[in-house]
PDB file of N, CA and C in Angstrom:
ATOM      1  N   MET A   1       8.274  51.310 -18.320  1.00  0.00           N
ATOM      2  CA  MET A   1       7.565  50.821 -17.132  1.00  0.00           C
ATOM      3  C   MET A   1       6.179  50.336 -17.562  1.00  0.00           C
ATOM      4  N   ASP A   2       5.979  49.050 -17.539  1.00  0.00           N
ATOM      5  CA  ASP A   2       4.720  48.464 -17.978  1.00  0.00           C
ATOM      6  C   ASP A   2       3.866  48.119 -16.765  1.00  0.00           C
ATOM      7  N   PHE A   3       2.585  48.410 -16.859  1.00  0.00           N
ATOM      8  CA  PHE A   3       1.671  48.123 -15.751  1.00  0.00           C
ATOM      9  C   PHE A   3       1.302  46.648 -15.759  1.00  0.00           C
ATOM     10  N   ASP A   4       1.303  46.052 -14.569  1.00  0.00           N
ATOM     11  CA  ASP A   4       0.964  44.637 -14.438  1.00  0.00           C
ATOM     12  C   ASP A   4      -0.540  44.502 -14.228  1.00  0.00           C
ATOM     13  N   PHE A   5      -1.245  44.038 -15.243  1.00  0.00           N
ATOM     14  CA  PHE A   5      -2.694  43.947 -15.173  1.00  0.00           C
ATOM     15  C   PHE A   5      -3.170  42.804 -14.280  1.00  0.00           C
ATOM     16  N   ARG A   6      -2.273  41.891 -13.913  1.00  0.00           N
ATOM     17  CA  ARG A   6      -2.664  40.824 -12.986  1.00  0.00           C
ATOM     18  C   ARG A   6      -3.073  41.397 -11.639  1.00  0.00           C
ATOM     19  N   LEU A   7      -2.396  42.463 -11.225  1.00  0.00           N
ATOM     20  CA  LEU A   7      -2.756  43.127  -9.965  1.00  0.00           C
ATOM     21  C   LEU A   7      -4.172  43.677 -10.042  1.00  0.00           C
ATOM     22  N   LEU A   8      -4.521  44.282 -11.165  1.00  0.00           N
ATOM     23  CA  LEU A   8      -5.868  44.816 -11.344  1.00  0.00           C
ATOM     24  C   LEU A   8      -6.907  43.695 -11.346  1.00  0.00           C
ATOM     25  N   ILE A   9      -6.578  42.572 -11.974  1.00  0.00           N
ATOM     26  CA  ILE A   9      -7.505  41.439 -12.033  1.00  0.00           C
ATOM     27  C   ILE A   9      -7.764  40.886 -10.629  1.00  0.00           C
ATOM     28  N   VAL A  10      -6.746  40.896  -9.786  1.00  0.00           N
ATOM     29  CA  VAL A  10      -6.908  40.394  -8.423  1.00  0.00           C
ATOM     30  C   VAL A  10      -7.683  41.390  -7.567  1.00  0.00           C
ATOM     31  N   LEU A  11      -7.398  42.686  -7.711  1.00  0.00           N
ATOM     32  CA  LEU A  11      -8.003  43.686  -6.832  1.00  0.00           C
ATOM     33  C   LEU A  11      -9.418  44.078  -7.245  1.00  0.00           C
ATOM     34  N   LEU A  12      -9.751  43.956  -8.506  1.00  0.00           N
ATOM     35  CA  LEU A  12     -11.058  44.415  -8.971  1.00  0.00           C
ATOM     36  C   LEU A  12     -12.236  43.718  -8.282  1.00  0.00           C
ATOM     37  N   PRO A  13     -12.260  42.384  -8.157  1.00  0.00           N
ATOM     38  CA  PRO A  13     -13.382  41.752  -7.448  1.00  0.00           C
ATOM     39  C   PRO A  13     -13.437  42.136  -5.965  1.00  0.00           C
ATOM     40  N   ILE A  14     -12.272  42.315  -5.352  1.00  0.00           N
ATOM     41  CA  ILE A  14     -12.243  42.707  -3.941  1.00  0.00           C
ATOM     42  C   ILE A  14     -12.816  44.107  -3.772  1.00  0.00           C
ATOM     43  N   LEU A  15     -12.417  45.016  -4.641  1.00  0.00           N
ATOM     44  CA  LEU A  15     -12.938  46.382  -4.574  1.00  0.00           C
ATOM     45  C   LEU A  15     -14.427  46.424  -4.899  1.00  0.00           C
ATOM     46  N   ALA A  16     -14.861  45.612  -5.842  1.00  0.00           N
ATOM     47  CA  ALA A  16     -16.282  45.566  -6.188  1.00  0.00           C
ATOM     48  C   ALA A  16     -17.109  45.052  -5.008  1.00  0.00           C
ATOM     49  N   ALA A  17     -16.638  44.012  -4.351  1.00  0.00           N
ATOM     50  CA  ALA A  17     -17.357  43.473  -3.199  1.00  0.00           C
ATOM     51  C   ALA A  17     -17.379  44.482  -2.058  1.00  0.00           C
ATOM     52  N   GLY A  18     -16.264  45.154  -1.822  1.00  0.00           N
ATOM     53  CA  GLY A  18     -16.217  46.166  -0.773  1.00  0.00           C
ATOM     54  C   GLY A  18     -17.150  47.325  -1.063  1.00  0.00           C
ATOM     55  N   GLY A  19     -17.176  47.765  -2.298  1.00  0.00           N
ATOM     56  CA  GLY A  19     -18.080  48.849  -2.678  1.00  0.00           C
ATOM     57  C   GLY A  19     -19.539  48.464  -2.534  1.00  0.00           C
ATOM     58  N   TRP A  20     -19.861  47.221  -2.906  1.00  0.00           N
ATOM     59  CA  TRP A  20     -21.239  46.742  -2.785  1.00  0.00           C
ATOM     60  C   TRP A  20     -21.659  46.671  -1.314  1.00  0.00           C
ATOM     61  N   ALA A  21     -20.752  46.210  -0.450  1.00  0.00           N
ATOM     62  CA  ALA A  21     -21.054  46.130   0.987  1.00  0.00           C
ATOM     63  C   ALA A  21     -21.248  47.523   1.572  1.00  0.00           C
ATOM     64  N   VAL A  22     -20.380  48.460   1.216  1.00  0.00           N
ATOM     65  CA  VAL A  22     -20.509  49.828   1.722  1.00  0.00           C
ATOM     66  C   VAL A  22     -21.808  50.452   1.221  1.00  0.00           C
ATOM     67  N   PHE A  23     -22.167  50.179  -0.020  1.00  0.00           N
ATOM     68  CA  PHE A  23     -23.410  50.714  -0.593  1.00  0.00           C
ATOM     69  C   PHE A  23     -24.627  50.196   0.172  1.00  0.00           C
ATOM     70  N   ASN A  24     -24.670  48.888   0.433  1.00  0.00           N
ATOM     71  CA  ASN A  24     -25.817  48.301   1.131  1.00  0.00           C
ATOM     72  C   ASN A  24     -25.860  48.719   2.595  1.00  0.00           C
ATOM     73  N   ILE A  25     -24.739  48.651   3.292  1.00  0.00           N
ATOM     74  CA  ILE A  25     -24.707  49.012   4.703  1.00  0.00           C
ATOM     75  C   ILE A  25     -24.938  50.509   4.869  1.00  0.00           C
ATOM     76  N   GLY A  26     -24.394  51.299   3.942  1.00  0.00           N
ATOM     77  CA  GLY A  26     -24.578  52.751   4.002  1.00  0.00           C
ATOM     78  C   GLY A  26     -26.040  53.136   3.869  1.00  0.00           C
ATOM     79  N   ALA A  27     -26.767  52.476   2.990  1.00  0.00           N
ATOM     80  CA  ALA A  27     -28.184  52.785   2.807  1.00  0.00           C
ATOM     81  C   ALA A  27     -28.968  52.476   4.086  1.00  0.00           C
ATOM     82  N   ILE A  28     -28.674  51.359   4.720  1.00  0.00           N
ATOM     83  CA  ILE A  28     -29.359  50.996   5.966  1.00  0.00           C
ATOM     84  C   ILE A  28     -28.981  51.967   7.075  1.00  0.00           C
ATOM     85  N   ALA A  29     -27.714  52.338   7.141  1.00  0.00           N
ATOM     86  CA  ALA A  29     -27.258  53.263   8.186  1.00  0.00           C
ATOM     87  C   ALA A  29     -27.919  54.627   8.024  1.00  0.00           C
ATOM     88  N   ILE A  30     -28.023  55.110   6.807  1.00  0.00           N
ATOM     89  CA  ILE A  30     -28.668  56.411   6.577  1.00  0.00           C
ATOM     90  C   ILE A  30     -30.140  56.345   6.956  1.00  0.00           C
ATOM     91  N   ARG A  31     -30.808  55.235   6.637  1.00  0.00           N
ATOM     92  CA  ARG A  31     -32.218  55.077   6.987  1.00  0.00           C
ATOM     93  C   ARG A  31     -32.403  55.074   8.508  1.00  0.00           C
ATOM     94  N   GLN A  32     -31.525  54.378   9.221  1.00  0.00           N
ATOM     95  CA  GLN A  32     -31.623  54.344  10.675  1.00  0.00           C
ATOM     96  C   GLN A  32     -31.350  55.712  11.272  1.00  0.00           C
ATOM     97  N   LEU A  33     -30.388  56.434  10.716  1.00  0.00           N
ATOM     98  CA  LEU A  33     -30.080  57.776  11.205  1.00  0.00           C
ATOM     99  C   LEU A  33     -31.263  58.716  10.977  1.00  0.00           C
ATOM    100  N   GLN A  34     -31.913  58.611   9.826  1.00  0.00           N
ATOM    101  CA  GLN A  34     -33.076  59.444   9.556  1.00  0.00           C
ATOM    102  C   GLN A  34     -34.214  59.108  10.514  1.00  0.00           C
ATOM    103  N   ASN A  35     -34.420  57.836  10.779  1.00  0.00           N
ATOM    104  CA  ASN A  35     -35.461  57.440  11.742  1.00  0.00           C
ATOM    105  C   ASN A  35     -35.153  57.970  13.125  1.00  0.00           C
ATOM    106  N   PHE A  36     -33.901  57.910  13.548  1.00  0.00           N
ATOM    107  CA  PHE A  36     -33.496  58.419  14.847  1.00  0.00           C
ATOM    108  C   PHE A  36     -33.735  59.913  14.928  1.00  0.00           C
ATOM    109  N   LEU A  37     -33.343  60.646  13.901  1.00  0.00           N
ATOM    110  CA  LEU A  37     -33.501  62.103  13.926  1.00  0.00           C
ATOM    111  C   LEU A  37     -34.965  62.502  13.876  1.00  0.00           C
ATOM    112  N   ASN A  38     -35.794  61.733  13.172  1.00  0.00           N
ATOM    113  CA  ASN A  38     -37.212  62.049  13.096  1.00  0.00           C
ATOM    114  C   ASN A  38     -37.925  61.791  14.422  1.00  0.00           C
ATOM    115  N   LYS A  39     -37.469  60.795  15.180  1.00  0.00           N
ATOM    116  CA  LYS A  39     -38.085  60.515  16.470  1.00  0.00           C
ATOM    117  C   LYS A  39     -37.735  61.562  17.502  1.00  0.00           C
ATOM    118  N   GLU A  40     -36.570  62.187  17.360  1.00  0.00           N
ATOM    119  CA  GLU A  40     -36.134  63.219  18.314  1.00  0.00           C
ATOM    120  C   GLU A  40     -36.959  64.489  18.166  1.00  0.00           C
ATOM    121  N   ALA A  41     -37.373  64.791  16.948  1.00  0.00           N
ATOM    122  CA  ALA A  41     -38.085  66.060  16.691  1.00  0.00           C
ATOM    123  C   ALA A  41     -39.540  65.977  17.117  1.00  0.00           C
TER     124      ALA A  41
END
């Protein structure tokens, strides 16, 4: 059973872009959540 590396070549840029988007949006979301929690206190 040989692994088809073409699948990895196709999925790698998609996964990289998704990870980058989650990283950027996650940082903004955490900052907004911290600001919200700080205003409540």
